[in-house]
Amino acid sequence: MNAPREETGTCPGSSPRRTEQNGRVPPRRPDPAKLRAALDAQLVALDQPAYDGPAAALPAALVEAVLTAYDRGLEPERDAARQAVRHLLDRLATTAPGRTVEVRIPPYAAAQVIEGPRHTRGTPPNVVEMSPRTWIELAVGRRSWSEAVAEGVIAASGSRADLSAHLPLA
């Protein structure tokens, strides 16, 4: 007979990242080497010199480089855009923790945020979806939530699918 399995709060083979008190997955810690590579690739595409600043400023520099590409009418480098989107979504998840609203930024990332009733399976009742450019502009304060909703560049469903109280990110 099999001995009863001790419950540890995680499934066998699951990541220990889920073992925080409330079961939330902590924000990712981005790999500085990957951030630097994505930033340098974006800077090369913009005909700018490689980044030589501190590692702590890499995420902000990457977001700025992606915005510069958009401002010039260019499509940002895929990895740079992905890293910028994920960084800003992680910041939102830190400032507005929870699992009530799913924020989707296809094709790069999604996050569950904001305290309240949590969904566990299927399509969540509160979903916000937008393009990477719209997300980055909202997150840094270049565009307001109400402007983006009025322009129709955000698809939001559900009674709690309003991020205006959490944007721009501090």
Protein backbone atom coordinates (compact mmCIF):
# COMPACT_ATOMS: atom_id res chain seq x y z
CA MET A 1 0.00 0.00 0.00
CA ASN A 2 1.07 3.53 -0.61
CA ALA A 3 1.77 5.77 2.34
CA PRO A 4 -0.41 8.88 2.54
CA ARG A 5 1.23 11.79 0.85
CA GLU A 6 2.08 14.77 2.97
CA GLU A 7 0.43 17.95 1.70
CA THR A 8 3.00 20.66 1.19
CA GLY A 9 0.96 23.25 -0.65
CA THR A 10 2.42 22.36 -4.04
CA CYS A 11 1.82 19.63 -6.55
CA PRO A 12 4.57 17.11 -7.23
CA GLY A 13 7.00 18.60 -9.71
CA SER A 14 5.57 22.09 -9.41
CA SER A 15 7.71 25.13 -8.95
CA PRO A 16 8.48 26.23 -5.39
CA ARG A 17 7.55 29.77 -6.51
CA ARG A 18 3.92 29.02 -5.58
CA THR A 19 4.65 28.49 -1.90
CA GLU A 20 4.03 32.03 -0.72
CA GLN A 21 1.43 32.50 2.03
CA ASN A 22 -1.48 33.30 -0.23
CA GLY A 23 -0.55 31.03 -3.14
CA ARG A 24 0.34 33.89 -5.48
CA VAL A 25 3.20 33.45 -7.86
CA PRO A 26 5.77 36.13 -7.12
CA PRO A 27 6.83 38.37 -10.00
CA ARG A 28 9.49 37.00 -12.30
CA ARG A 29 13.03 38.10 -11.78
CA PRO A 30 14.18 38.92 -15.28
CA ASP A 31 17.57 37.64 -16.36
CA PRO A 32 19.82 40.73 -16.69
CA ALA A 33 21.76 39.08 -19.54
CA LYS A 34 18.54 38.53 -21.52
CA LEU A 35 17.37 42.07 -20.81
CA ARG A 36 20.71 43.48 -21.94
CA ALA A 37 20.70 41.37 -25.11
CA ALA A 38 17.15 42.47 -25.97
CA LEU A 39 17.99 46.10 -25.24
CA ASP A 40 21.20 46.05 -27.23
CA ALA A 41 19.42 44.44 -30.21
CA GLN A 42 16.75 47.14 -30.06
CA LEU A 43 19.37 49.89 -29.82
CA VAL A 44 21.24 48.47 -32.83
CA ALA A 45 17.95 48.47 -34.78
CA LEU A 46 17.57 52.16 -33.80
CA ASP A 47 21.17 52.94 -34.88
CA GLN A 48 22.10 53.78 -31.30
CA PRO A 49 25.12 52.63 -29.28
CA ALA A 50 24.91 49.64 -26.97
CA TYR A 51 23.65 50.21 -23.43
CA ASP A 52 26.37 51.03 -20.90
CA GLY A 53 24.29 51.96 -17.85
CA PRO A 54 23.71 50.11 -14.59
CA ALA A 55 21.96 46.75 -14.51
CA ALA A 56 19.25 48.14 -12.21
CA ALA A 57 18.17 50.56 -14.95
CA LEU A 58 17.97 47.90 -17.71
CA PRO A 59 14.18 47.42 -17.61
CA ALA A 60 13.44 51.15 -17.81
CA ALA A 61 15.98 51.60 -20.62
CA LEU A 62 14.41 48.70 -22.50
CA VAL A 63 10.92 50.18 -22.19
CA GLU A 64 12.24 53.53 -23.42
CA ALA A 65 13.98 51.90 -26.41
CA VAL A 66 10.78 50.08 -27.40
CA LEU A 67 8.82 53.33 -27.15
CA THR A 68 11.44 55.04 -29.31
CA ALA A 69 10.93 52.39 -31.98
CA TYR A 70 7.17 52.98 -31.90
CA ASP A 71 7.70 56.75 -32.00
CA ARG A 72 9.80 56.35 -35.15
CA GLY A 73 7.09 54.32 -36.82
CA LEU A 74 9.09 51.10 -36.50
CA GLU A 75 8.07 47.73 -35.16
CA PRO A 76 10.24 47.05 -32.11
CA GLU A 77 12.44 43.99 -31.96
CA ARG A 78 10.28 41.06 -30.84
CA ASP A 79 12.37 40.10 -27.82
CA ALA A 80 12.67 43.72 -26.69
CA ALA A 81 8.90 44.22 -26.89
CA ARG A 82 8.27 40.94 -25.06
CA GLN A 83 10.68 41.79 -22.26
CA ALA A 84 9.23 45.31 -21.90
CA VAL A 85 5.65 44.00 -21.77
CA ARG A 86 6.52 41.34 -19.19
CA HIS A 87 8.45 43.80 -17.04
CA LEU A 88 5.50 46.21 -16.93
CA LEU A 89 2.96 43.42 -16.30
CA ASP A 90 5.10 42.18 -13.42
CA ARG A 91 5.10 45.69 -11.97
CA LEU A 92 1.30 45.80 -12.25
CA ALA A 93 1.04 42.42 -10.53
CA THR A 94 3.22 43.76 -7.72
CA THR A 95 1.22 46.96 -7.22
CA ALA A 96 -2.21 45.38 -7.76
CA PRO A 97 -1.88 41.76 -6.60
CA GLY A 98 -4.76 39.37 -6.98
CA ARG A 99 -6.49 37.07 -9.41
CA THR A 100 -9.71 38.84 -10.31
CA VAL A 101 -8.74 40.39 -13.65
CA GLU A 102 -6.71 38.75 -16.37
CA VAL A 103 -4.67 41.23 -18.40
CA ARG A 104 -3.66 39.85 -21.79
CA ILE A 105 -1.04 41.40 -24.02
CA PRO A 106 -0.83 39.04 -26.97
CA PRO A 107 1.42 37.56 -28.16
CA TYR A 108 3.77 38.25 -25.26
CA ALA A 109 2.25 37.80 -21.83
CA ALA A 110 -0.75 37.67 -19.53
CA ALA A 111 -1.14 38.26 -15.80
CA GLN A 112 -3.84 37.97 -13.19
CA VAL A 113 -4.16 41.04 -11.01
CA ILE A 114 -6.43 42.93 -8.57
CA GLU A 115 -7.86 41.56 -5.35
CA GLY A 116 -11.35 40.10 -5.32
CA PRO A 117 -13.12 36.91 -6.32
CA ARG A 118 -10.73 34.56 -8.03
CA HIS A 119 -11.47 32.31 -10.97
CA THR A 120 -9.85 28.91 -11.28
CA ARG A 121 -10.88 27.40 -14.61
CA GLY A 122 -11.96 28.48 -18.03
CA THR A 123 -12.26 32.02 -19.27
CA PRO A 124 -12.10 34.48 -16.39
CA PRO A 125 -15.10 36.79 -15.92
CA ASN A 126 -12.92 39.92 -16.02
CA VAL A 127 -10.55 40.19 -18.97
CA VAL A 128 -8.59 43.12 -20.37
CA GLU A 129 -6.78 42.69 -23.69
CA MET A 130 -4.75 45.16 -25.71
CA SER A 131 -1.77 45.47 -28.01
CA PRO A 132 1.77 45.65 -26.67
CA ARG A 133 2.06 49.30 -27.75
CA THR A 134 -1.15 50.29 -25.98
CA TRP A 135 -0.07 48.47 -22.80
CA ILE A 136 3.34 50.12 -22.70
CA GLU A 137 1.87 53.58 -23.36
CA LEU A 138 -0.72 53.09 -20.59
CA ALA A 139 1.83 51.72 -18.14
CA VAL A 140 4.22 54.66 -18.54
CA GLY A 141 1.50 57.32 -18.65
CA ARG A 142 1.68 58.31 -22.32
CA ARG A 143 -1.99 57.45 -22.74
CA SER A 144 -4.85 57.42 -20.24
CA TRP A 145 -7.19 54.50 -19.67
CA SER A 146 -10.23 56.57 -20.65
CA GLU A 147 -8.60 57.72 -23.91
CA ALA A 148 -7.65 54.18 -24.85
CA VAL A 149 -11.14 52.85 -24.07
CA ALA A 150 -12.72 55.70 -26.08
CA GLU A 151 -10.40 54.93 -29.01
CA GLY A 152 -11.45 51.28 -28.90
CA VAL A 153 -7.91 49.94 -28.48
CA ILE A 154 -8.76 48.03 -25.29
CA ALA A 155 -11.10 45.05 -25.12
CA ALA A 156 -12.40 44.90 -21.55
CA SER A 157 -15.15 42.62 -20.26
CA GLY A 158 -16.45 42.14 -16.76
CA SER A 159 -17.48 44.46 -13.97
CA ARG A 160 -13.92 44.69 -12.57
CA ALA A 161 -12.08 45.03 -15.89
CA ASP A 162 -10.96 48.60 -15.32
CA LEU A 163 -7.28 49.27 -14.67
CA SER A 164 -7.55 53.07 -14.45
CA ALA A 165 -6.94 53.10 -10.68
CA HIS A 166 -3.64 51.27 -11.19
CA LEU A 167 -2.23 53.17 -14.16
CA PRO A 168 0.17 54.66 -14.93
CA LEU A 169 2.56 52.50 -12.96
CA ALA A 170 4.54 54.43 -10.35
